């Protein structure tokens, strides 16, 4: 009772084929294969991006000239 015999497997396969049909199973397997290919391609793209370092960005340290003086610095209205 613990193991399945060949007759059990034949019945299970027959029920699966009757429920899903041959066309649906092949479509499902094709979709699974496309998903695996897309996953592998995505993993390869991640590796390529990680290998290529980003260019170094620099910031100019020259202060911007002030055109208008602020008169409200240090005064707060209560």
Protein backbone atom coordinates (compact mmCIF):
# COMPACT_ATOMS: atom_id res chain seq x y z
CA UNK A 1 0.00 0.00 0.00
CA UNK A 2 3.00 2.31 0.48
CA UNK A 3 4.28 2.11 -3.09
CA UNK A 4 2.46 2.68 -6.34
CA UNK A 5 2.43 -0.07 -8.92
CA UNK A 6 2.58 0.39 -12.68
CA UNK A 7 -1.23 0.23 -12.87
CA UNK A 8 -1.55 3.19 -10.52
CA UNK A 9 0.81 5.24 -12.68
CA UNK A 10 -1.09 4.30 -15.86
CA UNK A 11 -4.38 5.42 -14.29
CA UNK A 12 -2.84 8.70 -13.07
CA UNK A 13 -1.36 9.46 -16.49
CA UNK A 14 -4.67 8.62 -18.21
CA UNK A 15 -6.60 10.96 -15.90
CA UNK A 16 -4.09 13.78 -16.43
CA UNK A 17 -4.30 13.37 -20.21
CA UNK A 18 -8.09 13.34 -20.09
CA UNK A 19 -8.28 16.46 -17.94
CA UNK A 20 -5.66 18.58 -19.65
CA UNK A 21 -5.41 17.06 -23.11
CA UNK A 22 -2.29 16.65 -25.14
CA UNK A 23 -2.33 20.19 -26.53
CA UNK A 24 -2.55 21.95 -23.19
CA UNK A 25 0.31 19.95 -21.72
CA UNK A 26 2.61 20.73 -24.66
CA UNK A 27 1.65 24.43 -24.46
CA UNK A 28 2.38 24.40 -20.75
CA UNK A 29 5.79 22.81 -21.27
CA UNK A 30 6.59 25.38 -23.98
CA UNK A 31 5.69 28.21 -21.60
CA UNK A 32 7.88 26.70 -18.90
CA UNK A 33 10.80 26.43 -21.35
CA UNK A 34 10.39 30.08 -22.40
CA UNK A 35 10.33 31.13 -18.76
CA UNK A 36 13.55 29.26 -18.06
CA UNK A 37 15.23 30.85 -21.10
CA UNK A 38 14.11 34.32 -20.02
CA UNK A 39 15.42 33.69 -16.49
CA UNK A 40 18.81 32.55 -17.78
CA UNK A 41 19.04 35.59 -20.09
CA UNK A 42 18.21 37.88 -17.19
CA UNK A 43 20.91 36.29 -15.04
CA UNK A 44 23.47 36.77 -17.84
CA UNK A 45 22.45 40.42 -18.22
CA UNK A 46 22.97 40.97 -14.48
CA UNK A 47 26.47 39.49 -14.72
CA UNK A 48 27.35 41.77 -17.65
CA UNK A 49 26.16 44.87 -15.80
CA UNK A 50 28.12 43.90 -12.67
CA UNK A 51 31.34 43.42 -14.66
CA UNK A 52 31.24 46.89 -16.24
CA UNK A 53 32.12 49.63 -13.68
CA UNK A 54 30.24 52.91 -13.75
CA UNK A 55 32.21 56.01 -14.79
CA UNK A 56 33.40 58.18 -11.92
CA UNK A 57 31.38 61.35 -11.46
CA UNK A 58 32.98 64.48 -10.08
CA UNK A 59 31.50 67.57 -8.54
CA UNK A 60 32.95 71.07 -9.08
CA UNK A 61 33.99 72.59 -5.76
CA UNK A 62 33.91 76.22 -6.88
CA UNK A 63 31.27 78.18 -4.94
CA UNK A 64 28.50 79.77 -6.94
CA UNK A 65 28.60 83.60 -6.91
CA UNK A 66 25.90 85.15 -4.75
CA UNK A 67 23.93 87.82 -6.62
CA UNK A 68 21.54 88.95 -3.88
CA UNK A 69 22.36 89.53 -0.25
CA UNK A 70 19.88 88.21 2.26
CA UNK A 71 18.74 90.70 4.84
CA UNK A 72 16.71 88.28 6.99
CA UNK A 73 19.66 86.21 8.17
CA UNK A 74 19.67 85.93 11.95
CA UNK A 75 16.36 87.69 12.55
CA UNK A 76 13.27 85.78 13.53
CA UNK A 77 9.87 87.28 14.08
CA UNK A 78 8.21 85.95 17.22
